[in-house]
ModelCIF file with pLDDT and N, C-alpha, C, O atoms, coordinates in Angstrom:
data_MODEL
#
_entry.id   MODEL 
#
_entity.id                         1 
_entity.type                       polymer 
_entity.pdbx_number_of_molecules   1 
#
_entity_poly.entity_id                      1 
_entity_poly.type                           'polypeptide(L)' 
_entity_poly.nstd_linkage                   no 
_entity_poly.nstd_monomer                   no 
_entity_poly.pdbx_seq_one_letter_code       KETLRTEIVNTSLENAAILVVDSMDECITFSNEFAPEHLEIM 
_entity_poly.pdbx_seq_one_letter_code_can   KETLRTEIVNTSLENAAILVVDSMDECITFSNEFAPEHLEIM 
_entity_poly.pdbx_strand_id                 A 
#
loop_
_entity_poly_seq.entity_id 
_entity_poly_seq.num 
_entity_poly_seq.mon_id 
_entity_poly_seq.hetero 
1 1  LYS n 
1 2  GLU n 
1 3  THR n 
1 4  LEU n 
1 5  ARG n 
1 6  THR n 
1 7  GLU n 
1 8  ILE n 
1 9  VAL n 
1 10 ASN n 
1 11 THR n 
1 12 SER n 
1 13 LEU n 
1 14 GLU n 
1 15 ASN n 
1 16 ALA n 
1 17 ALA n 
1 18 ILE n 
1 19 LEU n 
1 20 VAL n 
1 21 VAL n 
1 22 ASP n 
1 23 SER n 
1 24 MET n 
1 25 ASP n 
1 26 GLU n 
1 27 CYS n 
1 28 ILE n 
1 29 THR n 
1 30 PHE n 
1 31 SER n 
1 32 ASN n 
1 33 GLU n 
1 34 PHE n 
1 35 ALA n 
1 36 PRO n 
1 37 GLU n 
1 38 HIS n 
1 39 LEU n 
1 40 GLU n 
1 41 ILE n 
1 42 MET n 
#
_struct_asym.id          A 
_struct_asym.entity_id   1 
#
loop_
_ma_qa_metric.id 
_ma_qa_metric.mode 
_ma_qa_metric.name 
_ma_qa_metric.software_group_id 
_ma_qa_metric.type 
1 global pLDDT . pLDDT 
2 local  pLDDT . pLDDT 
#
_ma_qa_metric_global.metric_id      1 
_ma_qa_metric_global.metric_value   96.48 
_ma_qa_metric_global.model_id       1 
_ma_qa_metric_global.ordinal_id     1 
#
loop_
_ma_qa_metric_local.label_asym_id 
_ma_qa_metric_local.label_comp_id 
_ma_qa_metric_local.label_seq_id 
_ma_qa_metric_local.metric_id 
_ma_qa_metric_local.metric_value 
_ma_qa_metric_local.model_id 
_ma_qa_metric_local.ordinal_id 
A LYS 1  2 95.00 1 1  
A GLU 2  2 94.00 1 2  
A THR 3  2 94.00 1 3  
A LEU 4  2 92.00 1 4  
A ARG 5  2 92.00 1 5  
A THR 6  2 93.00 1 6  
A GLU 7  2 95.00 1 7  
A ILE 8  2 95.00 1 8  
A VAL 9  2 96.00 1 9  
A ASN 10 2 96.00 1 10 
A THR 11 2 95.00 1 11 
A SER 12 2 95.00 1 12 
A LEU 13 2 96.00 1 13 
A GLU 14 2 95.00 1 14 
A ASN 15 2 94.00 1 15 
A ALA 16 2 96.00 1 16 
A ALA 17 2 97.00 1 17 
A ILE 18 2 98.00 1 18 
A LEU 19 2 98.00 1 19 
A VAL 20 2 98.00 1 20 
A VAL 21 2 98.00 1 21 
A ASP 22 2 97.00 1 22 
A SER 23 2 97.00 1 23 
A MET 24 2 98.00 1 24 
A ASP 25 2 98.00 1 25 
A GLU 26 2 97.00 1 26 
A CYS 27 2 98.00 1 27 
A ILE 28 2 98.00 1 28 
A THR 29 2 98.00 1 29 
A PHE 30 2 98.00 1 30 
A SER 31 2 98.00 1 31 
A ASN 32 2 98.00 1 32 
A GLU 33 2 97.00 1 33 
A PHE 34 2 97.00 1 34 
A ALA 35 2 97.00 1 35 
A PRO 36 2 97.00 1 36 
A GLU 37 2 97.00 1 37 
A HIS 38 2 98.00 1 38 
A LEU 39 2 98.00 1 39 
A GLU 40 2 98.00 1 40 
A ILE 41 2 98.00 1 41 
A MET 42 2 98.00 1 42 
#
loop_
_atom_site.group_PDB 
_atom_site.id 
_atom_site.type_symbol 
_atom_site.label_atom_id 
_atom_site.label_alt_id 
_atom_site.label_comp_id 
_atom_site.label_asym_id 
_atom_site.label_entity_id 
_atom_site.label_seq_id 
_atom_site.pdbx_PDB_ins_code 
_atom_site.Cartn_x 
_atom_site.Cartn_y 
_atom_site.Cartn_z 
_atom_site.occupancy 
_atom_site.B_iso_or_equiv 
_atom_site.pdbx_formal_charge 
_atom_site.auth_seq_id 
_atom_site.auth_comp_id 
_atom_site.auth_asym_id 
_atom_site.auth_atom_id 
_atom_site.pdbx_PDB_model_num 
ATOM 1   N N  . LYS A 1 1  ? -13.077 25.937 -2.201  1.00 95.00 ? 1  LYS A N  1 
ATOM 2   C CA . LYS A 1 1  ? -14.392 26.438 -2.652  1.00 95.00 ? 1  LYS A CA 1 
ATOM 3   C C  . LYS A 1 1  ? -14.298 27.867 -3.169  1.00 95.00 ? 1  LYS A C  1 
ATOM 4   O O  . LYS A 1 1  ? -15.154 28.311 -3.934  1.00 95.00 ? 1  LYS A O  1 
ATOM 5   N N  . GLU A 1 2  ? -13.268 28.583 -2.755  1.00 94.00 ? 2  GLU A N  1 
ATOM 6   C CA . GLU A 1 2  ? -13.154 30.000 -3.088  1.00 94.00 ? 2  GLU A CA 1 
ATOM 7   C C  . GLU A 1 2  ? -12.258 30.273 -4.294  1.00 94.00 ? 2  GLU A C  1 
ATOM 8   O O  . GLU A 1 2  ? -12.287 31.370 -4.851  1.00 94.00 ? 2  GLU A O  1 
ATOM 9   N N  . THR A 1 3  ? -11.474 29.295 -4.695  1.00 94.00 ? 3  THR A N  1 
ATOM 10  C CA . THR A 1 3  ? -10.531 29.512 -5.788  1.00 94.00 ? 3  THR A CA 1 
ATOM 11  C C  . THR A 1 3  ? -11.239 29.580 -7.134  1.00 94.00 ? 3  THR A C  1 
ATOM 12  O O  . THR A 1 3  ? -12.323 29.021 -7.301  1.00 94.00 ? 3  THR A O  1 
ATOM 13  N N  . LEU A 1 4  ? -10.624 30.267 -8.095  1.00 92.00 ? 4  LEU A N  1 
ATOM 14  C CA . LEU A 1 4  ? -11.235 30.429 -9.417  1.00 92.00 ? 4  LEU A CA 1 
ATOM 15  C C  . LEU A 1 4  ? -11.220 29.127 -10.218 1.00 92.00 ? 4  LEU A C  1 
ATOM 16  O O  . LEU A 1 4  ? -12.166 28.831 -10.947 1.00 92.00 ? 4  LEU A O  1 
ATOM 17  N N  . ARG A 1 5  ? -10.146 28.355 -10.080 1.00 92.00 ? 5  ARG A N  1 
ATOM 18  C CA . ARG A 1 5  ? -10.014 27.114 -10.862 1.00 92.00 ? 5  ARG A CA 1 
ATOM 19  C C  . ARG A 1 5  ? -10.497 25.924 -10.033 1.00 92.00 ? 5  ARG A C  1 
ATOM 20  O O  . ARG A 1 5  ? -9.777  24.947 -9.829  1.00 92.00 ? 5  ARG A O  1 
ATOM 21  N N  . THR A 1 6  ? -11.748 26.042 -9.561  1.00 93.00 ? 6  THR A N  1 
ATOM 22  C CA . THR A 1 6  ? -12.290 25.067 -8.614  1.00 93.00 ? 6  THR A CA 1 
ATOM 23  C C  . THR A 1 6  ? -12.255 23.640 -9.132  1.00 93.00 ? 6  THR A C  1 
ATOM 24  O O  . THR A 1 6  ? -11.884 22.721 -8.401  1.00 93.00 ? 6  THR A O  1 
ATOM 25  N N  . GLU A 1 7  ? -12.638 23.448 -10.380 1.00 95.00 ? 7  GLU A N  1 
ATOM 26  C CA . GLU A 1 7  ? -12.718 22.080 -10.913 1.00 95.00 ? 7  GLU A CA 1 
ATOM 27  C C  . GLU A 1 7  ? -11.344 21.416 -10.945 1.00 95.00 ? 7  GLU A C  1 
ATOM 28  O O  . GLU A 1 7  ? -11.197 20.259 -10.551 1.00 95.00 ? 7  GLU A O  1 
ATOM 29  N N  . ILE A 1 8  ? -10.350 22.148 -11.412 1.00 95.00 ? 8  ILE A N  1 
ATOM 30  C CA . ILE A 1 8  ? -8.988  21.609 -11.466 1.00 95.00 ? 8  ILE A CA 1 
ATOM 31  C C  . ILE A 1 8  ? -8.473  21.339 -10.056 1.00 95.00 ? 8  ILE A C  1 
ATOM 32  O O  . ILE A 1 8  ? -7.884  20.290 -9.793  1.00 95.00 ? 8  ILE A O  1 
ATOM 33  N N  . VAL A 1 9  ? -8.698  22.287 -9.152  1.00 96.00 ? 9  VAL A N  1 
ATOM 34  C CA . VAL A 1 9  ? -8.222  22.144 -7.775  1.00 96.00 ? 9  VAL A CA 1 
ATOM 35  C C  . VAL A 1 9  ? -8.842  20.928 -7.103  1.00 96.00 ? 9  VAL A C  1 
ATOM 36  O O  . VAL A 1 9  ? -8.140  20.141 -6.468  1.00 96.00 ? 9  VAL A O  1 
ATOM 37  N N  . ASN A 1 10 ? -10.146 20.772 -7.238  1.00 96.00 ? 10 ASN A N  1 
ATOM 38  C CA . ASN A 1 10 ? -10.820 19.641 -6.585  1.00 96.00 ? 10 ASN A CA 1 
ATOM 39  C C  . ASN A 1 10 ? -10.338 18.306 -7.125  1.00 96.00 ? 10 ASN A C  1 
ATOM 40  O O  . ASN A 1 10 ? -10.193 17.345 -6.369  1.00 96.00 ? 10 ASN A O  1 
ATOM 41  N N  . THR A 1 11 ? -10.090 18.240 -8.421  1.00 95.00 ? 11 THR A N  1 
ATOM 42  C CA . THR A 1 11 ? -9.557  17.006 -9.011  1.00 95.00 ? 11 THR A CA 1 
ATOM 43  C C  . THR A 1 11 ? -8.144  16.744 -8.494  1.00 95.00 ? 11 THR A C  1 
ATOM 44  O O  . THR A 1 11 ? -7.800  15.616 -8.140  1.00 95.00 ? 11 THR A O  1 
ATOM 45  N N  . SER A 1 12 ? -7.336  17.794 -8.454  1.00 95.00 ? 12 SER A N  1 
ATOM 46  C CA . SER A 1 12 ? -5.957  17.656 -7.981  1.00 95.00 ? 12 SER A CA 1 
ATOM 47  C C  . SER A 1 12 ? -5.899  17.235 -6.517  1.00 95.00 ? 12 SER A C  1 
ATOM 48  O O  . SER A 1 12 ? -5.026  16.460 -6.126  1.00 95.00 ? 12 SER A O  1 
ATOM 49  N N  . LEU A 1 13 ? -6.827  17.744 -5.708  1.00 96.00 ? 13 LEU A N  1 
ATOM 50  C CA . LEU A 1 13 ? -6.802  17.429 -4.277  1.00 96.00 ? 13 LEU A CA 1 
ATOM 51  C C  . LEU A 1 13 ? -7.066  15.955 -3.990  1.00 96.00 ? 13 LEU A C  1 
ATOM 52  O O  . LEU A 1 13 ? -6.835  15.487 -2.876  1.00 96.00 ? 13 LEU A O  1 
ATOM 53  N N  . GLU A 1 14 ? -7.547  15.227 -4.985  1.00 95.00 ? 14 GLU A N  1 
ATOM 54  C CA . GLU A 1 14 ? -7.674  13.772 -4.827  1.00 95.00 ? 14 GLU A CA 1 
ATOM 55  C C  . GLU A 1 14 ? -6.299  13.126 -4.695  1.00 95.00 ? 14 GLU A C  1 
ATOM 56  O O  . GLU A 1 14 ? -6.174  12.018 -4.175  1.00 95.00 ? 14 GLU A O  1 
ATOM 57  N N  . ASN A 1 15 ? -5.255  13.834 -5.175  1.00 94.00 ? 15 ASN A N  1 
ATOM 58  C CA . ASN A 1 15 ? -3.877  13.342 -5.059  1.00 94.00 ? 15 ASN A CA 1 
ATOM 59  C C  . ASN A 1 15 ? -3.186  13.869 -3.812  1.00 94.00 ? 15 ASN A C  1 
ATOM 60  O O  . ASN A 1 15 ? -2.058  13.473 -3.517  1.00 94.00 ? 15 ASN A O  1 
ATOM 61  N N  . ALA A 1 16 ? -3.857  14.769 -3.064  1.00 96.00 ? 16 ALA A N  1 
ATOM 62  C CA . ALA A 1 16 ? -3.227  15.445 -1.929  1.00 96.00 ? 16 ALA A CA 1 
ATOM 63  C C  . ALA A 1 16 ? -3.202  14.558 -0.683  1.00 96.00 ? 16 ALA A C  1 
ATOM 64  O O  . ALA A 1 16 ? -3.943  13.582 -0.573  1.00 96.00 ? 16 ALA A O  1 
ATOM 65  N N  . ALA A 1 17 ? -2.327  14.931 0.245   1.00 97.00 ? 17 ALA A N  1 
ATOM 66  C CA . ALA A 1 17 ? -2.230  14.169 1.493   1.00 97.00 ? 17 ALA A CA 1 
ATOM 67  C C  . ALA A 1 17 ? -1.804  15.073 2.635   1.00 97.00 ? 17 ALA A C  1 
ATOM 68  O O  . ALA A 1 17 ? -0.964  15.957 2.471   1.00 97.00 ? 17 ALA A O  1 
ATOM 69  N N  . ILE A 1 18 ? -2.400  14.833 3.795   1.00 98.00 ? 18 ILE A N  1 
ATOM 70  C CA . ILE A 1 18 ? -1.984  15.472 5.046   1.00 98.00 ? 18 ILE A CA 1 
ATOM 71  C C  . ILE A 1 18 ? -1.537  14.341 5.963   1.00 98.00 ? 18 ILE A C  1 
ATOM 72  O O  . ILE A 1 18 ? -2.338  13.496 6.363   1.00 98.00 ? 18 ILE A O  1 
ATOM 73  N N  . LEU A 1 19 ? -0.253  14.335 6.289   1.00 98.00 ? 19 LEU A N  1 
ATOM 74  C CA . LEU A 1 19 ? 0.328   13.218 7.037   1.00 98.00 ? 19 LEU A CA 1 
ATOM 75  C C  . LEU A 1 19 ? 0.876   13.699 8.376   1.00 98.00 ? 19 LEU A C  1 
ATOM 76  O O  . LEU A 1 19 ? 1.543   14.731 8.448   1.00 98.00 ? 19 LEU A O  1 
ATOM 77  N N  . VAL A 1 20 ? 0.593   12.952 9.423   1.00 98.00 ? 20 VAL A N  1 
ATOM 78  C CA . VAL A 1 20 ? 1.058   13.293 10.775  1.00 98.00 ? 20 VAL A CA 1 
ATOM 79  C C  . VAL A 1 20 ? 2.129   12.293 11.198  1.00 98.00 ? 20 VAL A C  1 
ATOM 80  O O  . VAL A 1 20 ? 1.972   11.085 11.024  1.00 98.00 ? 20 VAL A O  1 
ATOM 81  N N  . VAL A 1 21 ? 3.220   12.815 11.757  1.00 98.00 ? 21 VAL A N  1 
ATOM 82  C CA . VAL A 1 21 ? 4.320   11.951 12.203  1.00 98.00 ? 21 VAL A CA 1 
ATOM 83  C C  . VAL A 1 21 ? 4.662   12.271 13.649  1.00 98.00 ? 21 VAL A C  1 
ATOM 84  O O  . VAL A 1 21 ? 4.174   13.251 14.210  1.00 98.00 ? 21 VAL A O  1 
ATOM 85  N N  . ASP A 1 22 ? 5.498   11.442 14.242  1.00 97.00 ? 22 ASP A N  1 
ATOM 86  C CA . ASP A 1 22 ? 5.849   11.615 15.648  1.00 97.00 ? 22 ASP A CA 1 
ATOM 87  C C  . ASP A 1 22 ? 7.069   12.507 15.866  1.00 97.00 ? 22 ASP A C  1 
ATOM 88  O O  . ASP A 1 22 ? 7.256   13.050 16.955  1.00 97.00 ? 22 ASP A O  1 
ATOM 89  N N  . SER A 1 23 ? 7.899   12.658 14.832  1.00 97.00 ? 23 SER A N  1 
ATOM 90  C CA . SER A 1 23 ? 9.128   13.439 15.028  1.00 97.00 ? 23 SER A CA 1 
ATOM 91  C C  . SER A 1 23 ? 9.537   14.136 13.737  1.00 97.00 ? 23 SER A C  1 
ATOM 92  O O  . SER A 1 23 ? 9.114   13.763 12.643  1.00 97.00 ? 23 SER A O  1 
ATOM 93  N N  . MET A 1 24 ? 10.381  15.170 13.898  1.00 98.00 ? 24 MET A N  1 
ATOM 94  C CA . MET A 1 24 ? 10.890  15.886 12.731  1.00 98.00 ? 24 MET A CA 1 
ATOM 95  C C  . MET A 1 24 ? 11.809  14.996 11.895  1.00 98.00 ? 24 MET A C  1 
ATOM 96  O O  . MET A 1 24 ? 11.886  15.153 10.676  1.00 98.00 ? 24 MET A O  1 
ATOM 97  N N  . ASP A 1 25 ? 12.499  14.072 12.542  1.00 98.00 ? 25 ASP A N  1 
ATOM 98  C CA . ASP A 1 25 ? 13.339  13.134 11.790  1.00 98.00 ? 25 ASP A CA 1 
ATOM 99  C C  . ASP A 1 25 ? 12.506  12.322 10.808  1.00 98.00 ? 25 ASP A C  1 
ATOM 100 O O  . ASP A 1 25 ? 12.961  12.027 9.702   1.00 98.00 ? 25 ASP A O  1 
ATOM 101 N N  . GLU A 1 26 ? 11.279  11.956 11.207  1.00 97.00 ? 26 GLU A N  1 
ATOM 102 C CA . GLU A 1 26 ? 10.388  11.221 10.307  1.00 97.00 ? 26 GLU A CA 1 
ATOM 103 C C  . GLU A 1 26 ? 9.977   12.088 9.121   1.00 97.00 ? 26 GLU A C  1 
ATOM 104 O O  . GLU A 1 26 ? 9.863   11.602 7.996   1.00 97.00 ? 26 GLU A O  1 
ATOM 105 N N  . CYS A 1 27 ? 9.757   13.366 9.383   1.00 98.00 ? 27 CYS A N  1 
ATOM 106 C CA . CYS A 1 27 ? 9.427   14.302 8.301   1.00 98.00 ? 27 CYS A CA 1 
ATOM 107 C C  . CYS A 1 27 ? 10.549  14.328 7.265   1.00 98.00 ? 27 CYS A C  1 
ATOM 108 O O  . CYS A 1 27 ? 10.306  14.244 6.062   1.00 98.00 ? 27 CYS A O  1 
ATOM 109 N N  . ILE A 1 28 ? 11.778  14.447 7.760   1.00 98.00 ? 28 ILE A N  1 
ATOM 110 C CA . ILE A 1 28 ? 12.940  14.533 6.871   1.00 98.00 ? 28 ILE A CA 1 
ATOM 111 C C  . ILE A 1 28 ? 13.121  13.238 6.090   1.00 98.00 ? 28 ILE A C  1 
ATOM 112 O O  . ILE A 1 28 ? 13.380  13.266 4.887   1.00 98.00 ? 28 ILE A O  1 
ATOM 113 N N  . THR A 1 29 ? 12.985  12.097 6.774   1.00 98.00 ? 29 THR A N  1 
ATOM 114 C CA . THR A 1 29 ? 13.124  10.799 6.111   1.00 98.00 ? 29 THR A CA 1 
ATOM 115 C C  . THR A 1 29 ? 12.090  10.628 5.010   1.00 98.00 ? 29 THR A C  1 
ATOM 116 O O  . THR A 1 29 ? 12.410  10.183 3.907   1.00 98.00 ? 29 THR A O  1 
ATOM 117 N N  . PHE A 1 30 ? 10.838  10.988 5.320   1.00 98.00 ? 30 PHE A N  1 
ATOM 118 C CA . PHE A 1 30 ? 9.787   10.873 4.308   1.00 98.00 ? 30 PHE A CA 1 
ATOM 119 C C  . PHE A 1 30 ? 10.050  11.813 3.135   1.00 98.00 ? 30 PHE A C  1 
ATOM 120 O O  . PHE A 1 30 ? 9.868   11.427 1.980   1.00 98.00 ? 30 PHE A O  1 
ATOM 121 N N  . SER A 1 31 ? 10.473  13.038 3.420   1.00 98.00 ? 31 SER A N  1 
ATOM 122 C CA . SER A 1 31 ? 10.763  13.996 2.356   1.00 98.00 ? 31 SER A CA 1 
ATOM 123 C C  . SER A 1 31 ? 11.835  13.469 1.419   1.00 98.00 ? 31 SER A C  1 
ATOM 124 O O  . SER A 1 31 ? 11.708  13.587 0.200   1.00 98.00 ? 31 SER A O  1 
ATOM 125 N N  . ASN A 1 32 ? 12.892  12.888 1.979   1.00 98.00 ? 32 ASN A N  1 
ATOM 126 C CA . ASN A 1 32 ? 13.965  12.357 1.137   1.00 98.00 ? 32 ASN A CA 1 
ATOM 127 C C  . ASN A 1 32 ? 13.502  11.163 0.317   1.00 98.00 ? 32 ASN A C  1 
ATOM 128 O O  . ASN A 1 32 ? 13.987  10.944 -0.793  1.00 98.00 ? 32 ASN A O  1 
ATOM 129 N N  . GLU A 1 33 ? 12.578  10.401 0.853   1.00 97.00 ? 33 GLU A N  1 
ATOM 130 C CA . GLU A 1 33 ? 12.019  9.285  0.089   1.00 97.00 ? 33 GLU A CA 1 
ATOM 131 C C  . GLU A 1 33 ? 11.096  9.805  -1.013  1.00 97.00 ? 33 GLU A C  1 
ATOM 132 O O  . GLU A 1 33 ? 11.071  9.267  -2.120  1.00 97.00 ? 33 GLU A O  1 
ATOM 133 N N  . PHE A 1 34 ? 10.344  10.850 -0.698  1.00 97.00 ? 34 PHE A N  1 
ATOM 134 C CA . PHE A 1 34 ? 9.403   11.451 -1.659  1.00 97.00 ? 34 PHE A CA 1 
ATOM 135 C C  . PHE A 1 34 ? 10.145  12.198 -2.771  1.00 97.00 ? 34 PHE A C  1 
ATOM 136 O O  . PHE A 1 34 ? 9.712   12.189 -3.923  1.00 97.00 ? 34 PHE A O  1 
ATOM 137 N N  . ALA A 1 35 ? 11.268  12.847 -2.422  1.00 97.00 ? 35 ALA A N  1 
ATOM 138 C CA . ALA A 1 35 ? 12.083  13.624 -3.370  1.00 97.00 ? 35 ALA A CA 1 
ATOM 139 C C  . ALA A 1 35 ? 11.228  14.611 -4.159  1.00 97.00 ? 35 ALA A C  1 
ATOM 140 O O  . ALA A 1 35 ? 11.052  14.458 -5.367  1.00 97.00 ? 35 ALA A O  1 
ATOM 141 N N  . PRO A 1 36 ? 10.698  15.625 -3.475  1.00 97.00 ? 36 PRO A N  1 
ATOM 142 C CA . PRO A 1 36 ? 9.740   16.527 -4.119  1.00 97.00 ? 36 PRO A CA 1 
ATOM 143 C C  . PRO A 1 36 ? 10.360  17.493 -5.115  1.00 97.00 ? 36 PRO A C  1 
ATOM 144 O O  . PRO A 1 36 ? 11.537  17.843 -5.032  1.00 97.00 ? 36 PRO A O  1 
ATOM 145 N N  . GLU A 1 37 ? 9.539   17.904 -6.046  1.00 97.00 ? 37 GLU A N  1 
ATOM 146 C CA . GLU A 1 37 ? 9.915   18.986 -6.960  1.00 97.00 ? 37 GLU A CA 1 
ATOM 147 C C  . GLU A 1 37 ? 10.129  20.275 -6.158  1.00 97.00 ? 37 GLU A C  1 
ATOM 148 O O  . GLU A 1 37 ? 11.188  20.897 -6.232  1.00 97.00 ? 37 GLU A O  1 
ATOM 149 N N  . HIS A 1 38 ? 9.102   20.663 -5.390  1.00 98.00 ? 38 HIS A N  1 
ATOM 150 C CA . HIS A 1 38 ? 9.187   21.819 -4.500  1.00 98.00 ? 38 HIS A CA 1 
ATOM 151 C C  . HIS A 1 38 ? 9.105   21.327 -3.054  1.00 98.00 ? 38 HIS A C  1 
ATOM 152 O O  . HIS A 1 38 ? 8.250   20.509 -2.713  1.00 98.00 ? 38 HIS A O  1 
ATOM 153 N N  . LEU A 1 39 ? 9.995   21.831 -2.224  1.00 98.00 ? 39 LEU A N  1 
ATOM 154 C CA . LEU A 1 39 ? 9.943   21.507 -0.797  1.00 98.00 ? 39 LEU A CA 1 
ATOM 155 C C  . LEU A 1 39 ? 9.855   22.801 -0.004  1.00 98.00 ? 39 LEU A C  1 
ATOM 156 O O  . LEU A 1 39 ? 10.718  23.671 -0.125  1.00 98.00 ? 39 LEU A O  1 
ATOM 157 N N  . GLU A 1 40 ? 8.806   22.927 0.810   1.00 98.00 ? 40 GLU A N  1 
ATOM 158 C CA . GLU A 1 40 ? 8.683   24.063 1.716   1.00 98.00 ? 40 GLU A CA 1 
ATOM 159 C C  . GLU A 1 40 ? 9.010   23.602 3.139   1.00 98.00 ? 40 GLU A C  1 
ATOM 160 O O  . GLU A 1 40 ? 8.506   22.578 3.600   1.00 98.00 ? 40 GLU A O  1 
ATOM 161 N N  . ILE A 1 41 ? 9.858   24.369 3.826   1.00 98.00 ? 41 ILE A N  1 
ATOM 162 C CA . ILE A 1 41 ? 10.215  24.073 5.214   1.00 98.00 ? 41 ILE A CA 1 
ATOM 163 C C  . ILE A 1 41 ? 9.614   25.170 6.087   1.00 98.00 ? 41 ILE A C  1 
ATOM 164 O O  . ILE A 1 41 ? 10.094  26.303 6.098   1.00 98.00 ? 41 ILE A O  1 
ATOM 165 N N  . MET A 1 42 ? 8.565   24.818 6.812   1.00 98.00 ? 42 MET A N  1 
ATOM 166 C CA . MET A 1 42 ? 7.853   25.792 7.646   1.00 98.00 ? 42 MET A CA 1 
ATOM 167 C C  . MET A 1 42 ? 7.893   25.313 9.097   1.00 98.00 ? 42 MET A C  1 
ATOM 168 O O  . MET A 1 42 ? 7.355   25.979 9.982   1.00 98.00 ? 42 MET A O  1 
#
């Protein structure tokens, strides 16, 4: 709601996902299947 490019952001967020897993191994497995352009490890 606070960003300048609100319309673009809101449309893009329709493609977004927040996923919960049981283990870090699942995170890694999913990441390798997803093969992202950018990967952040936090």
